[in-house]
Structures are given as C-alpha cells and as structure tokens.
Amino acid sequence: MGKNERLMQLELILLSHPEGMRRAEIARRLGVHRSTIGRYVEELKKKIDIWEDDYAVGVSQDESMNMMKLSVYESLAFHLSAELLAKHTEYHNPHMSSGLRKLAENLRNYAPTMSENINAVAESIELGANKQDPAYIRVLETLTDSWVSGKIVRIRHIDKQSALEEETEFAPYFIGFSEQANGRRPISVTGRLRHTSEIQTIDINDIKEAEILDQTYTIPDNLKAFRRVSDDGPVESRDLIPLKLRMRERSVLNVFRYLYYRNLETSAPDDYGNIICSVEVENSIELFLRLVQCGTSVEVLEPSSYRRQIRDQINKIAEMYNQDI
C-alpha cells in the first residue's frame, strides 16, 4: 500500500472515530511503525483540520467529507455484499475496509445505526491480521490496474493441472468469483492466454507475481462476465486486426508463426511476384516489430489506420536517429 493510500485510510479511520485514537492503535491499523504516524498526521493536516494532544489524534468536529451520496437501500446492499465478502474470502482486502468506512461516513448523520454496523465490519477486516497477505493484495492491485488500463500482464502462477510454476502473458477480461467443485469461491481473473485464443480462469491466490507490460488488448464483445465459457461453447477473442498485406517474398509468412492469427488467405503471385495476403492477427507490439523486421519485403495496405500507425512509428524512430548526438 502506497503513502497516498495510507493517508486516505488514516483520514477515514479518524473520521470514523470522532473521539480520537491513540497513535499506537493507528500504527497497528495501518501496519506501520508508530514513529511513522507523526509524519502521516503532518501530511494529512495540509488537507483537513486535525487536533492532537499527548495521547490521541482526531479530526475536528466541523470537518466534512465531499463524498458520493448513496441511498440507505443502496448502502445496505453494499454493506451486506461486503460482509459476505469478508466472511468467505481467503484474504481480507484493505481497500474493502477503506471503502466501507467511506460508506459509513456517508451514513453517519441520517442512518447512524447502519453506519456503526458498517464501521464494525471495516474494523473486523482491519483487525483480521491472520487473513491479510500483502503479496496477494499486490497481485490483485496489479491485475486490477492491468484490467482498467487494458494492458497485457505477465504473471508467474501455479498451473492447476501440472502443479508446476509457469510464466504467462495474460489479457485480463474480468475479475470476480469462480465457483469450484469443492465449494470454494475464490476471487479469480478470467482472460486470454497470449498468442492463443484460449480463455482461462486463474485463482488469484495461485499467482505469485504480476507485472504490467506496455502492450494493449481489447475485451471481446461476446464475452460475458458471470457466464461459464462452457455454457455456450468456446468464446473467441476479438482483439484481432484484419490486415491486408503486399508481400514481395513468400518468406514473410513466417511472421505469423509466432503470433495468434486466423483466416489466412493468399493470392497467386502477380506479374512482379507480389502476393496479396489477408489475415486476422493479434494486435500486439510483436506484430509491429516483425513487420518492420521484414523491411521492404512487406507493405501494409489495409486498414489505413494501422498503415498510418506503422508509418508514424517509423518516422519517430528515424527522427530520433537523425538528431545530432
């Protein structure tokens, strides 16, 4: 958890304890050394009005938060969902407790009883040290960032069938619960394995490391969350680009050996030996690199947007090398 997130959590904890809290207790809640709390309090003072004495730290009574307002019925629905999540997940999520405290603060004035109950759930999450795993949360955060930004993620995980550790490049399509035969419902990530059309669901608890790559993907329109892939047969990925190429050498077809593609068609050579190739291929940095590697042996004809993209990238590279060093 970064400094800004800890400051936000500190603010929410203090707002839910208007009587103030001892520094040692705050440090325990945030999982930091007591000496660090003084620095966090000084940082938070720049944002909100905080009081201190020899024993405790608190937020001034007239301090208010600018929050999204939910109805009492919406708040109850989120409260019940979070309570189930806290009871049935293997690891507690600190983001859940901070979100609940925001919800409780939102309800304090017009539904104080519900506010207290929601704060109690948040407190049980924060105090459940035996159900907290920083490595698990770090992986979950990375996968969430990958999903939100639409970027491929490289994961190191345990394969269920072989029980061996594997490294995989993965395109997350959604994160949610998966139901297993033994009754477990772990939080899992569903997505496409790189360079294939295979859709796979991986238990986040089995992922040991995750790293976002600077390569984008798109989520197929026909993939629905909360639906098993087997319900309606396999789901095909649509993060493909339909290319029309002019090839001056047939060896250019080797470009596709290392990429996921489908519907490859080629014409007979014309009078100059050129071949027109039509193919749907994954839109990735590897595609760009392998096309550029072919030099003048291949030309992108369609789509015009991808033709411009290649031209612009090549021009940027040329400009970099044309600069005086």
Protein backbone atom coordinates (compact mmCIF):
# COMPACT_ATOMS: atom_id res chain seq x y z
CA MET A 1 0.00 0.00 0.00
CA GLY A 2 1.47 3.39 -1.02
CA LYS A 3 1.77 6.53 1.06
CA ASN A 4 -1.25 8.26 -0.51
CA GLU A 5 -3.44 5.23 0.16
CA ARG A 6 -2.29 5.11 3.79
CA LEU A 7 -3.08 8.80 4.19
CA MET A 8 -6.57 8.18 2.81
CA GLN A 9 -7.04 5.23 5.15
CA LEU A 10 -5.79 7.33 8.09
CA GLU A 11 -8.33 10.03 7.23
CA LEU A 12 -11.18 7.50 7.05
CA ILE A 13 -10.18 5.84 10.34
CA LEU A 14 -10.03 9.19 12.16
CA LEU A 15 -13.35 10.30 10.68
CA SER A 16 -14.99 7.12 11.96
CA HIS A 17 -13.54 7.71 15.46
CA PRO A 18 -14.52 11.31 16.30
CA GLU A 19 -13.31 10.80 19.88
CA GLY A 20 -9.77 10.36 18.55
CA MET A 21 -7.38 7.43 18.52
CA ARG A 22 -4.04 6.64 20.12
CA ARG A 23 -1.05 6.73 17.77
CA ALA A 24 -0.09 3.15 18.64
CA GLU A 25 -3.55 1.92 17.61
CA ILE A 26 -3.42 3.89 14.36
CA ALA A 27 0.00 2.40 13.59
CA ARG A 28 -1.36 -1.09 14.18
CA ARG A 29 -4.34 -0.46 11.89
CA LEU A 30 -2.15 0.89 9.10
CA GLY A 31 0.58 -1.71 9.56
CA VAL A 32 3.37 0.86 10.03
CA HIS A 33 5.77 1.81 12.83
CA ARG A 34 4.44 4.23 15.43
CA SER A 35 7.12 6.79 14.55
CA THR A 36 5.70 6.98 11.01
CA ILE A 37 2.28 8.14 12.22
CA GLY A 38 3.60 11.60 13.17
CA ARG A 39 4.72 12.19 9.57
CA TYR A 40 1.38 10.97 8.21
CA VAL A 41 -0.52 13.25 10.57
CA GLU A 42 1.54 16.26 9.48
CA GLU A 43 0.84 15.41 5.82
CA LEU A 44 -2.88 15.00 6.50
CA LYS A 45 -3.02 18.36 8.31
CA LYS A 46 -2.37 20.01 4.93
CA LYS A 47 -5.68 18.56 3.73
CA ILE A 48 -8.06 18.51 6.72
CA ASP A 49 -8.32 20.02 10.20
CA ILE A 50 -6.76 17.65 12.77
CA TRP A 51 -6.32 18.03 16.54
CA GLU A 52 -3.62 16.38 18.65
CA ASP A 53 -2.84 16.01 22.33
CA ASP A 54 -0.38 13.93 24.33
CA TYR A 55 -2.46 10.80 23.96
CA ALA A 56 -4.56 10.87 20.81
CA VAL A 57 -5.16 12.25 17.33
CA GLY A 58 -8.56 13.19 15.90
CA VAL A 59 -10.44 15.15 13.25
CA SER A 60 -12.14 18.43 14.16
CA GLN A 61 -15.89 18.19 14.61
CA ASP A 62 -16.72 20.60 11.79
CA GLU A 63 -14.69 18.62 9.25
CA SER A 64 -16.81 17.13 6.48
CA MET A 65 -16.14 14.90 3.53
CA ASN A 66 -17.22 15.51 -0.04
CA MET A 67 -18.50 12.06 -0.97
CA MET A 68 -20.81 10.43 -3.45
CA LYS A 69 -24.19 10.07 -1.77
CA LEU A 70 -25.97 6.71 -1.76
CA SER A 71 -29.48 5.94 -0.64
CA VAL A 72 -29.93 3.94 2.55
CA TYR A 73 -31.10 0.97 0.44
CA GLU A 74 -28.04 1.12 -1.81
CA SER A 75 -25.82 1.43 1.24
CA LEU A 76 -27.40 -1.62 2.85
CA ALA A 77 -26.89 -3.65 -0.33
CA PHE A 78 -23.17 -2.77 -0.39
CA HIS A 79 -22.91 -3.44 3.34
CA LEU A 80 -24.38 -6.94 3.02
CA SER A 81 -22.21 -7.73 -0.01
CA ALA A 82 -19.06 -6.61 1.80
CA GLU A 83 -19.97 -8.63 4.89
CA LEU A 84 -20.32 -11.78 2.79
CA LEU A 85 -17.07 -11.00 1.03
CA ALA A 86 -15.26 -10.55 4.35
CA LYS A 87 -16.60 -13.86 5.68
CA HIS A 88 -15.99 -16.06 2.66
CA THR A 89 -12.77 -14.78 1.06
CA GLU A 90 -9.44 -16.31 1.99
CA TYR A 91 -7.73 -12.94 2.41
CA HIS A 92 -9.00 -9.62 3.66
CA ASN A 93 -8.63 -6.64 1.37
CA PRO A 94 -7.65 -3.27 2.95
CA HIS A 95 -9.43 -1.48 0.10
CA MET A 96 -12.64 -3.11 1.26
CA SER A 97 -12.28 -1.66 4.74
CA SER A 98 -11.46 1.84 3.45
CA GLY A 99 -14.45 1.68 1.07
CA LEU A 100 -16.73 0.61 3.92
CA ARG A 101 -15.53 3.49 6.10
CA LYS A 102 -16.41 5.93 3.31
CA LEU A 103 -19.83 4.35 3.13
CA ALA A 104 -20.26 4.54 6.92
CA GLU A 105 -19.24 8.21 6.97
CA ASN A 106 -21.79 8.88 4.26
CA LEU A 107 -24.50 7.41 6.51
CA ARG A 108 -23.43 8.81 9.86
CA ASN A 109 -25.94 11.67 10.06
CA TYR A 110 -29.13 10.06 8.72
CA ALA A 111 -28.56 6.33 9.47
CA PRO A 112 -26.22 6.20 12.48
CA THR A 113 -27.06 2.60 13.43
CA MET A 114 -26.22 1.30 9.97
CA SER A 115 -23.11 3.47 9.97
CA GLU A 116 -21.93 1.84 13.18
CA ASN A 117 -22.56 -1.66 11.82
CA ILE A 118 -20.63 -0.91 8.62
CA ASN A 119 -17.73 0.52 10.62
CA ALA A 120 -17.76 -2.67 12.71
CA VAL A 121 -17.33 -4.77 9.56
CA ALA A 122 -14.47 -2.49 8.42
CA GLU A 123 -12.87 -2.84 11.85
CA SER A 124 -13.11 -6.63 11.77
CA ILE A 125 -11.34 -6.60 8.41
CA GLU A 126 -8.55 -4.36 9.70
CA LEU A 127 -8.09 -6.48 12.83
CA GLY A 128 -8.04 -9.78 10.94
CA ALA A 129 -4.27 -9.90 10.67
CA ASN A 130 -4.34 -13.66 10.09
CA LYS A 131 -6.31 -13.11 6.89
CA GLN A 132 -4.09 -10.41 5.41
CA ASP A 133 -1.47 -11.17 2.76
CA PRO A 134 0.38 -8.17 1.24
CA ALA A 135 1.65 -10.28 -1.68
CA TYR A 136 -1.91 -11.35 -2.58
CA ILE A 137 -3.17 -7.75 -2.42
CA ARG A 138 -0.23 -6.57 -4.52
CA VAL A 139 -1.07 -9.10 -7.25
CA LEU A 140 -4.78 -8.18 -7.08
CA GLU A 141 -3.93 -4.48 -7.42
CA THR A 142 -1.64 -5.14 -10.41
CA LEU A 143 -4.30 -7.23 -12.16
CA THR A 144 -6.89 -4.52 -11.48
CA ASP A 145 -4.58 -1.85 -12.96
CA SER A 146 -3.98 -4.11 -15.97
CA TRP A 147 -7.71 -4.67 -16.45
CA VAL A 148 -8.59 -0.98 -16.11
CA SER A 149 -5.79 0.21 -18.42
CA GLY A 150 -6.32 -2.56 -21.00
CA LYS A 151 -2.70 -3.71 -20.89
CA ILE A 152 -1.25 -7.20 -21.04
CA VAL A 153 0.13 -8.53 -17.75
CA ARG A 154 2.94 -11.04 -17.26
CA ILE A 155 2.12 -13.42 -14.41
CA ARG A 156 4.01 -16.16 -12.61
CA HIS A 157 1.49 -18.71 -11.35
CA ILE A 158 0.91 -22.33 -10.35
CA ASP A 159 -0.74 -24.40 -13.08
CA LYS A 160 -3.58 -26.47 -11.57
CA GLN A 161 -3.08 -29.49 -13.84
CA SER A 162 0.69 -29.83 -13.74
CA ALA A 163 1.15 -28.27 -10.25
CA LEU A 164 4.20 -26.57 -11.77
CA GLU A 165 5.05 -22.88 -11.76
CA GLU A 166 4.60 -21.16 -15.11
CA GLU A 167 5.17 -17.70 -16.54
CA THR A 168 2.39 -16.48 -18.82
CA GLU A 169 1.45 -13.31 -20.65
CA PHE A 170 -2.23 -12.71 -19.99
CA ALA A 171 -5.03 -10.36 -21.09
CA PRO A 172 -7.47 -9.93 -18.16
CA TYR A 173 -11.13 -9.80 -19.25
CA PHE A 174 -12.75 -9.60 -15.81
CA ILE A 175 -12.07 -10.25 -12.13
CA GLY A 176 -14.67 -11.94 -9.94
CA PHE A 177 -15.63 -15.08 -8.05
CA SER A 178 -15.29 -18.51 -9.63
CA GLU A 179 -17.23 -21.49 -8.32
CA GLN A 180 -15.25 -24.68 -7.83
CA ALA A 181 -16.40 -28.27 -7.33
CA ASN A 182 -15.17 -28.34 -3.73
CA GLY A 183 -17.42 -25.40 -2.82
CA ARG A 184 -14.65 -22.76 -2.78
CA ARG A 185 -15.40 -19.45 -4.45
CA PRO A 186 -12.02 -17.78 -4.79
CA ILE A 187 -11.51 -14.40 -6.42
CA SER A 188 -10.18 -15.21 -9.87
CA VAL A 189 -9.16 -13.48 -13.07
CA THR A 190 -10.51 -14.63 -16.43
CA GLY A 191 -8.79 -13.73 -19.66
CA ARG A 192 -6.92 -14.86 -22.75
CA LEU A 193 -3.54 -16.52 -22.80
CA ARG A 194 -1.20 -14.57 -25.07
CA HIS A 195 -0.66 -15.85 -28.61
CA THR A 196 -3.69 -18.18 -28.33
CA SER A 197 -7.48 -18.00 -28.43
CA GLU A 198 -7.73 -19.91 -25.14
CA ILE A 199 -9.82 -18.35 -22.36
CA GLN A 200 -8.66 -19.32 -18.89
CA THR A 201 -9.71 -18.57 -15.31
CA ILE A 202 -6.89 -18.39 -12.76
CA ASP A 203 -7.28 -18.29 -8.98
CA ILE A 204 -5.52 -15.09 -7.87
CA ASN A 205 -4.18 -16.99 -4.89
CA ASP A 206 -2.16 -19.10 -7.38
CA ILE A 207 -0.50 -16.04 -8.90
CA LYS A 208 2.81 -15.28 -7.22
CA GLU A 209 3.93 -12.24 -9.25
CA ALA A 210 2.33 -9.89 -11.77
CA GLU A 211 3.89 -7.21 -13.98
CA ILE A 212 2.06 -4.90 -16.40
CA LEU A 213 3.53 -4.75 -19.91
CA ASP A 214 3.31 -1.80 -22.30
CA GLN A 215 1.13 -3.76 -24.72
CA THR A 216 -2.61 -3.21 -25.07
CA TYR A 217 -5.52 -5.56 -25.72
CA THR A 218 -9.30 -5.31 -26.13
CA ILE A 219 -12.03 -7.35 -24.46
CA PRO A 220 -14.18 -9.35 -26.92
CA ASP A 221 -17.77 -8.19 -27.25
CA ASN A 222 -19.17 -11.72 -26.92
CA LEU A 223 -17.52 -12.47 -23.58
CA LYS A 224 -19.91 -12.12 -20.66
CA ALA A 225 -18.87 -11.96 -17.03
CA PHE A 226 -20.57 -14.45 -14.66
CA ARG A 227 -21.10 -16.90 -17.51
CA ARG A 228 -19.15 -20.12 -17.75
CA VAL A 229 -17.25 -20.47 -21.00
CA SER A 230 -18.73 -23.96 -21.45
CA ASP A 231 -22.31 -22.68 -21.32
CA ASP A 232 -22.38 -21.59 -24.94
CA GLY A 233 -19.24 -23.18 -26.29
CA PRO A 234 -15.80 -21.57 -26.62
CA VAL A 235 -15.52 -17.81 -26.76
CA GLU A 236 -13.30 -16.43 -29.48
CA SER A 237 -11.12 -13.45 -28.79
CA ARG A 238 -11.74 -10.42 -30.97
CA ASP A 239 -8.69 -8.34 -30.10
CA LEU A 240 -7.50 -9.04 -33.64
CA ILE A 241 -6.76 -6.72 -36.51
CA PRO A 242 -7.74 -7.61 -40.11
CA LEU A 243 -4.66 -6.98 -42.23
CA LYS A 244 -4.21 -6.84 -45.99
CA LEU A 245 -0.53 -7.07 -46.95
CA ARG A 246 1.50 -6.94 -50.13
CA MET A 247 4.37 -9.41 -49.84
CA ARG A 248 7.37 -9.31 -52.14
CA GLU A 249 8.76 -12.53 -50.65
CA ARG A 250 6.73 -15.54 -49.54
CA SER A 251 9.05 -15.96 -46.53
CA VAL A 252 7.20 -13.02 -44.93
CA LEU A 253 4.51 -15.54 -43.96
CA ASN A 254 6.91 -16.69 -41.22
CA VAL A 255 5.86 -13.52 -39.36
CA PHE A 256 2.69 -15.30 -38.26
CA ARG A 257 4.47 -18.34 -36.86
CA TYR A 258 4.95 -16.56 -33.53
CA LEU A 259 1.56 -14.79 -33.38
CA TYR A 260 -2.04 -15.85 -32.91
CA TYR A 261 -3.89 -15.50 -36.22
CA ARG A 262 -6.80 -16.94 -38.21
CA ASN A 263 -8.38 -16.84 -41.69
CA LEU A 264 -5.08 -16.56 -43.55
CA GLU A 265 -5.56 -16.29 -47.33
CA THR A 266 -3.02 -15.56 -50.05
CA SER A 267 -3.36 -14.74 -53.74
CA ALA A 268 -1.34 -16.13 -56.59
CA PRO A 269 1.79 -14.10 -57.42
CA ASP A 270 1.23 -11.24 -59.87
CA ASP A 271 3.50 -10.43 -62.80
CA TYR A 272 6.04 -8.88 -60.40
CA GLY A 273 5.99 -11.77 -57.93
CA ASN A 274 3.94 -9.90 -55.32
CA ILE A 275 1.47 -11.81 -53.15
CA ILE A 276 -1.58 -10.26 -51.51
CA CYS A 277 -2.24 -11.71 -48.07
CA SER A 278 -5.39 -11.26 -45.95
CA VAL A 279 -5.30 -12.35 -42.30
CA GLU A 280 -6.75 -11.59 -38.86
CA VAL A 281 -3.87 -11.35 -36.39
CA GLU A 282 -3.42 -10.29 -32.77
CA ASN A 283 -2.79 -6.57 -32.45
CA SER A 284 0.42 -6.53 -30.43
CA ILE A 285 3.87 -4.98 -30.31
CA GLU A 286 5.27 -8.26 -31.69
CA LEU A 287 3.24 -7.79 -34.87
CA PHE A 288 4.69 -4.33 -35.40
CA LEU A 289 8.26 -5.49 -34.69
CA ARG A 290 8.07 -8.47 -37.01
CA LEU A 291 6.57 -6.44 -39.86
CA VAL A 292 9.29 -3.80 -39.50
CA GLN A 293 11.89 -6.57 -39.38
CA CYS A 294 10.78 -7.64 -42.87
CA GLY A 295 11.80 -4.23 -44.23
CA THR A 296 10.64 -3.54 -47.79
CA SER A 297 9.57 -7.15 -48.29
CA VAL A 298 6.11 -6.38 -46.91
CA GLU A 299 3.71 -3.44 -47.13
CA VAL A 300 0.55 -2.94 -45.09
CA LEU A 301 -2.28 -1.99 -47.44
CA GLU A 302 -5.23 -2.10 -45.04
CA PRO A 303 -6.54 -0.97 -42.65
CA SER A 304 -5.40 2.57 -43.31
CA SER A 305 -5.28 3.31 -39.56
CA TYR A 306 -2.69 0.58 -38.97
CA ARG A 307 -0.76 1.67 -42.07
CA ARG A 308 -0.56 5.20 -40.59
CA GLN A 309 0.43 3.79 -37.21
CA ILE A 310 3.40 1.93 -38.69
CA ARG A 311 4.41 4.99 -40.74
CA ASP A 312 4.26 7.27 -37.68
CA GLN A 313 6.30 4.89 -35.53
CA ILE A 314 8.97 4.50 -38.21
CA ASN A 315 9.13 8.29 -38.61
CA LYS A 316 9.61 8.74 -34.86
CA ILE A 317 12.46 6.23 -34.88
CA ALA A 318 14.05 7.97 -37.88
CA GLU A 319 13.75 11.39 -36.21
CA MET A 320 15.48 10.07 -33.09
CA TYR A 321 18.45 8.86 -35.11
CA ASN A 322 18.54 12.00 -37.26
CA GLN A 323 19.18 14.16 -34.21
CA ASP A 324 22.70 15.37 -33.58
CA ILE A 325 24.35 13.45 -30.76
